[in-house]
């Protein structure tokens, strides 16, 4: 029951006036190791010929990778953005509901890399992608927050040790 409430709240938040709403993307499962969502094939997601548009599939894929990264970071002090995506479209569809499944393959301090597959209702692979998501610090809202960010950066920045090395 709690999972259903979480998904309902997330879908309400993610869809409010965004591309998620425009393409009718609906989150169906979420954990730190896997994020899933559906997207119907409709006039909003097709080319003029009526086939599912590759750009709509890329949007679903990057959306899953970015959401998956967001739940793996401290969003009170960090943000994430899609940095790179490489995809292969194996087939297309004129109707039905596509399901995107994203899983992290690398979880670093400044980036995460996700494998995202899109399958149709029969479980047939339609498209596959690898998406890199950049993790950045949120802009400081005041001087105290900026100072805190700089101190935390000093703790992890290996470049601080370079002068001693040379």
Protein backbone atom coordinates (compact mmCIF):
# COMPACT_ATOMS: atom_id res chain seq x y z
CA UNK A 1 0.00 0.00 0.00
CA UNK A 2 2.84 2.41 0.84
CA UNK A 3 4.46 1.68 -2.53
CA UNK A 4 1.23 2.55 -4.32
CA UNK A 5 0.99 5.85 -2.42
CA UNK A 6 4.63 6.64 -3.21
CA UNK A 7 4.11 5.93 -6.92
CA UNK A 8 0.94 8.02 -6.97
CA UNK A 9 2.71 10.95 -5.29
CA UNK A 10 5.74 10.66 -7.58
CA UNK A 11 3.61 10.51 -10.70
CA UNK A 12 1.67 13.58 -9.59
CA UNK A 13 4.88 15.48 -8.92
CA UNK A 14 6.79 14.32 -12.01
CA UNK A 15 3.93 14.95 -14.42
CA UNK A 16 2.87 18.41 -13.25
CA UNK A 17 3.39 20.52 -16.37
CA UNK A 18 6.43 18.57 -17.61
CA UNK A 19 7.39 16.40 -20.57
CA UNK A 20 6.34 13.44 -18.43
CA UNK A 21 2.79 14.78 -18.66
CA UNK A 22 3.08 15.59 -22.37
CA UNK A 23 4.15 12.04 -23.25
CA UNK A 24 1.97 10.41 -20.55
CA UNK A 25 4.96 8.70 -18.88
CA UNK A 26 3.90 6.88 -15.72
CA UNK A 27 6.31 5.53 -13.11
CA UNK A 28 5.44 1.92 -12.31
CA UNK A 29 8.33 0.93 -10.04
CA UNK A 30 11.18 2.64 -8.24
CA UNK A 31 14.17 1.55 -6.19
CA UNK A 32 17.84 2.49 -6.05
CA UNK A 33 18.62 -0.45 -8.36
CA UNK A 34 15.77 -0.23 -10.88
CA UNK A 35 13.31 2.33 -12.19
CA UNK A 36 10.40 1.41 -14.48
CA UNK A 37 7.79 3.46 -16.30
CA UNK A 38 5.30 3.12 -19.13
CA UNK A 39 4.56 5.34 -22.10
CA UNK A 40 1.65 4.71 -24.48
CA UNK A 41 2.10 4.88 -28.22
CA UNK A 42 -0.23 7.75 -29.12
CA UNK A 43 -0.33 10.76 -31.47
CA UNK A 44 1.90 12.57 -28.92
CA UNK A 45 4.67 9.95 -29.27
CA UNK A 46 4.55 9.07 -32.98
CA UNK A 47 6.07 10.32 -36.21
CA UNK A 48 3.90 11.58 -39.05
CA UNK A 49 3.83 7.99 -40.41
CA UNK A 50 2.22 6.77 -37.20
CA UNK A 51 5.26 4.86 -35.89
CA UNK A 52 6.69 5.45 -32.42
CA UNK A 53 9.18 8.33 -32.59
CA UNK A 54 12.77 7.60 -31.53
CA UNK A 55 12.89 10.94 -29.71
CA UNK A 56 9.96 9.90 -27.52
CA UNK A 57 11.81 6.69 -26.62
CA UNK A 58 14.97 8.69 -25.81
CA UNK A 59 12.93 10.97 -23.59
CA UNK A 60 11.57 7.98 -21.67
CA UNK A 61 15.07 6.53 -21.34
CA UNK A 62 16.76 9.71 -20.13
CA UNK A 63 13.86 10.41 -17.78
CA UNK A 64 14.31 7.01 -16.12
CA UNK A 65 18.09 7.40 -15.80
CA UNK A 66 17.76 10.88 -14.32
CA UNK A 67 15.03 9.84 -11.88
CA UNK A 68 17.06 6.80 -10.87
CA UNK A 69 20.09 8.98 -10.23
CA UNK A 70 18.00 11.46 -8.22
CA UNK A 71 16.92 8.77 -5.76
CA UNK A 72 20.55 7.73 -5.28
CA UNK A 73 21.90 11.18 -4.34
CA UNK A 74 21.33 13.74 -1.59
CA UNK A 75 18.88 16.01 -3.44
CA UNK A 76 19.06 18.60 -0.67
CA UNK A 77 22.57 19.46 -1.85
CA UNK A 78 22.89 17.87 -5.30
CA UNK A 79 21.12 17.92 -8.66
CA UNK A 80 21.41 15.66 -11.70
CA UNK A 81 21.10 16.14 -15.44
CA UNK A 82 21.31 13.86 -18.45
CA UNK A 83 24.78 14.28 -19.95
CA UNK A 84 24.97 11.70 -22.73
CA UNK A 85 22.77 9.03 -24.26
CA UNK A 86 23.48 6.44 -26.91
CA UNK A 87 20.61 4.34 -28.15
CA UNK A 88 19.75 1.66 -30.67
CA UNK A 89 16.19 1.33 -31.93
CA UNK A 90 15.61 -2.27 -32.99
CA UNK A 91 11.99 -2.03 -34.02
CA UNK A 92 9.06 0.33 -33.76
CA UNK A 93 5.40 0.12 -32.89
CA UNK A 94 2.23 1.81 -34.08
CA UNK A 95 0.24 1.08 -30.93
CA UNK A 96 0.45 -0.37 -27.45
CA UNK A 97 2.25 0.61 -24.29
CA UNK A 98 6.03 0.70 -24.03
CA UNK A 99 7.75 -0.13 -20.74
CA UNK A 100 11.11 1.37 -19.88
CA UNK A 101 13.41 -0.43 -17.43
CA UNK A 102 16.48 1.38 -16.13
CA UNK A 103 19.30 -0.15 -14.07
CA UNK A 104 22.52 1.52 -12.91
CA UNK A 105 25.81 0.03 -14.10
CA UNK A 106 28.10 2.68 -12.55
CA UNK A 107 27.48 4.81 -9.47
CA UNK A 108 30.16 7.44 -9.02
CA UNK A 109 30.50 10.65 -7.05
CA UNK A 110 29.95 12.95 -10.05
CA UNK A 111 28.09 10.70 -12.48
CA UNK A 112 25.99 7.59 -12.86
CA UNK A 113 25.62 5.41 -15.94
CA UNK A 114 22.37 3.57 -16.63
CA UNK A 115 21.33 0.84 -19.04
CA UNK A 116 17.76 1.46 -20.11
CA UNK A 117 15.68 -0.92 -22.24
CA UNK A 118 12.27 -0.36 -23.74
CA UNK A 119 10.06 -3.39 -24.29
CA UNK A 120 6.55 -3.82 -25.65
CA UNK A 121 3.64 -5.63 -23.99
CA UNK A 122 4.98 -9.00 -25.18
CA UNK A 123 8.40 -8.33 -23.62
CA UNK A 124 10.06 -7.81 -27.02
CA UNK A 125 13.00 -5.40 -26.93
CA UNK A 126 12.19 -2.28 -28.92
CA UNK A 127 15.12 -0.02 -27.97
CA UNK A 128 18.19 -0.06 -25.72
CA UNK A 129 20.31 2.82 -24.43
CA UNK A 130 23.19 3.72 -22.19
CA UNK A 131 22.68 7.04 -20.42
CA UNK A 132 25.23 9.02 -18.42
CA UNK A 133 23.81 11.37 -15.80
CA UNK A 134 25.90 14.18 -14.33
CA UNK A 135 25.70 14.89 -10.58
CA UNK A 136 26.39 18.48 -9.55
CA UNK A 137 26.20 20.49 -6.34
CA UNK A 138 23.19 22.73 -5.99
CA UNK A 139 24.01 26.43 -6.19
CA UNK A 140 24.57 27.88 -2.73
CA UNK A 141 21.63 29.90 -1.47
CA UNK A 142 23.74 31.86 1.01
CA UNK A 143 27.33 32.36 2.16
CA UNK A 144 27.11 29.73 4.91
CA UNK A 145 25.97 27.09 2.44
CA UNK A 146 28.75 28.06 0.01
CA UNK A 147 31.34 27.71 2.77
CA UNK A 148 29.95 24.30 3.71
CA UNK A 149 30.11 23.16 0.07
CA UNK A 150 33.72 24.33 -0.27
CA UNK A 151 34.72 22.48 2.91
CA UNK A 152 33.08 19.27 1.74
CA UNK A 153 34.76 19.63 -1.68
CA UNK A 154 38.16 19.95 -0.03
CA UNK A 155 37.57 16.62 1.71
CA UNK A 156 37.10 14.69 -1.55
CA UNK A 157 39.11 16.66 -4.10
CA UNK A 158 42.20 14.59 -4.92
CA UNK A 159 43.73 17.58 -6.69
CA UNK A 160 44.49 19.12 -3.29
CA UNK A 161 47.25 16.53 -2.89
CA UNK A 162 48.97 17.28 -6.21
CA UNK A 163 51.37 20.00 -4.95
CA UNK A 164 52.71 17.56 -2.33
CA UNK A 165 53.14 14.91 -4.99
CA UNK A 166 55.31 17.05 -7.28
